[in-house]
Amino acid sequence: MSASVIEGFLALAAACAFLGVSAALFLTRRGLASALQAAGIGCFGVMALTHVCAEFSLLPGLGWGRPHSVGQLIDLLAALLGVALMTLSFLLWRREQHREHL
């Protein structure tokens, strides 16, 4: 098993664990920040899943692993959307914390 396969599975396992934690937080807090956090971590899970699919050549029509393919675009968009949603959720959470302390 190559190192990139192991990295993909570890990233997918971490994303699933974080998604479980953020889903539990969403169920207890029911706020926009926790919903955005869960969505952002879900995007990271999609990104990890694309790496696993690329290594095992699943869905070859998407061109996993080839440059300028739909698979690369899905990977890039999932990563960018994940970072944007996580950043926005953190900023909203900080704003809520700041309002509570005033």
Protein backbone atom coordinates (compact mmCIF):
# COMPACT_ATOMS: atom_id res chain seq x y z
CA MET A 1 0.00 0.00 0.00
CA SER A 2 1.50 3.32 -1.03
CA ALA A 3 1.97 6.30 1.24
CA SER A 4 -0.63 8.38 -0.60
CA VAL A 5 -3.28 5.70 0.00
CA ILE A 6 -2.48 5.71 3.71
CA GLU A 7 -2.57 9.52 3.76
CA GLY A 8 -5.94 9.51 2.03
CA PHE A 9 -7.43 7.03 4.49
CA LEU A 10 -6.01 8.89 7.49
CA ALA A 11 -7.38 12.19 6.19
CA LEU A 12 -10.76 10.55 5.60
CA ALA A 13 -10.78 9.04 9.09
CA ALA A 14 -9.87 12.39 10.65
CA ALA A 15 -12.55 14.18 8.63
CA CYS A 16 -15.16 11.63 9.74
CA ALA A 17 -14.14 12.03 13.39
CA PHE A 18 -14.26 15.81 13.18
CA LEU A 19 -17.57 15.66 11.34
CA GLY A 20 -19.02 13.56 14.15
CA VAL A 21 -17.86 16.06 16.76
CA SER A 22 -19.14 19.05 14.80
CA ALA A 23 -22.49 17.31 14.20
CA ALA A 24 -22.80 16.75 17.96
CA LEU A 25 -22.00 20.42 18.55
CA PHE A 26 -24.60 21.42 15.98
CA LEU A 27 -27.24 19.27 17.67
CA THR A 28 -26.52 20.84 21.06
CA ARG A 29 -25.99 24.47 20.01
CA ARG A 30 -28.16 24.82 16.89
CA GLY A 31 -26.33 27.92 15.71
CA LEU A 32 -25.20 29.16 12.34
CA ALA A 33 -21.55 28.92 13.36
CA SER A 34 -21.81 25.23 14.23
CA ALA A 35 -23.75 24.51 11.02
CA LEU A 36 -21.05 26.22 8.95
CA GLN A 37 -18.40 24.29 10.85
CA ALA A 38 -20.10 20.98 10.08
CA ALA A 39 -20.42 21.94 6.40
CA GLY A 40 -16.76 22.98 6.24
CA ILE A 41 -15.58 19.72 7.76
CA GLY A 42 -17.87 17.88 5.36
CA CYS A 43 -16.03 19.62 2.52
CA PHE A 44 -12.73 18.40 3.94
CA GLY A 45 -14.22 14.91 3.97
CA VAL A 46 -15.08 15.27 0.28
CA MET A 47 -11.52 16.40 -0.38
CA ALA A 48 -10.11 13.35 1.43
CA LEU A 49 -12.54 11.10 -0.42
CA THR A 50 -11.35 12.46 -3.76
CA HIS A 51 -7.79 11.49 -2.85
CA VAL A 52 -8.89 7.95 -1.98
CA CYS A 53 -10.87 7.72 -5.23
CA ALA A 54 -7.85 8.95 -7.18
CA GLU A 55 -5.60 6.29 -5.70
CA PHE A 56 -7.99 3.43 -6.40
CA SER A 57 -9.13 4.79 -9.79
CA LEU A 58 -12.77 4.83 -8.76
CA LEU A 59 -15.09 6.64 -11.17
CA PRO A 60 -12.51 6.85 -13.97
CA GLY A 61 -14.78 9.13 -15.99
CA LEU A 62 -13.95 11.97 -13.61
CA GLY A 63 -10.24 11.64 -14.44
CA TRP A 64 -8.99 11.26 -10.88
CA GLY A 65 -5.30 12.05 -10.61
CA ARG A 66 -4.99 13.65 -14.05
CA PRO A 67 -4.29 17.37 -14.27
CA HIS A 68 -7.11 19.64 -15.47
CA SER A 69 -9.80 17.03 -14.82
CA VAL A 70 -13.15 17.19 -13.08
CA GLY A 71 -11.66 15.24 -10.17
CA GLN A 72 -9.02 17.90 -9.62
CA LEU A 73 -11.69 20.60 -9.77
CA ILE A 74 -13.82 18.81 -7.17
CA ASP A 75 -10.76 18.46 -4.94
CA LEU A 76 -9.84 22.13 -5.27
CA LEU A 77 -13.37 23.43 -4.76
CA ALA A 78 -13.92 21.21 -1.72
CA ALA A 79 -10.67 22.45 -0.15
CA LEU A 80 -11.41 26.13 -0.83
CA LEU A 81 -15.01 25.86 0.34
CA GLY A 82 -13.91 23.98 3.47
CA VAL A 83 -11.38 26.67 4.40
CA ALA A 84 -13.88 29.46 3.71
CA LEU A 85 -16.68 27.83 5.73
CA MET A 86 -14.41 27.00 8.66
CA THR A 87 -13.03 30.55 8.73
CA LEU A 88 -16.52 32.03 8.60
CA SER A 89 -17.75 29.69 11.36
CA PHE A 90 -14.82 30.68 13.56
CA LEU A 91 -15.45 34.38 13.01
CA LEU A 92 -19.15 33.98 13.81
CA TRP A 93 -18.34 31.97 16.93
CA ARG A 94 -15.88 34.65 18.11
CA ARG A 95 -18.49 37.34 17.49
CA GLU A 96 -21.03 35.40 19.57
CA GLN A 97 -18.48 34.94 22.36
CA HIS A 98 -17.64 38.65 22.29
CA ARG A 99 -21.33 39.61 22.55
CA GLU A 100 -21.84 37.28 25.51
CA HIS A 101 -19.02 38.95 27.46
CA LEU A 102 -20.33 42.49 26.98
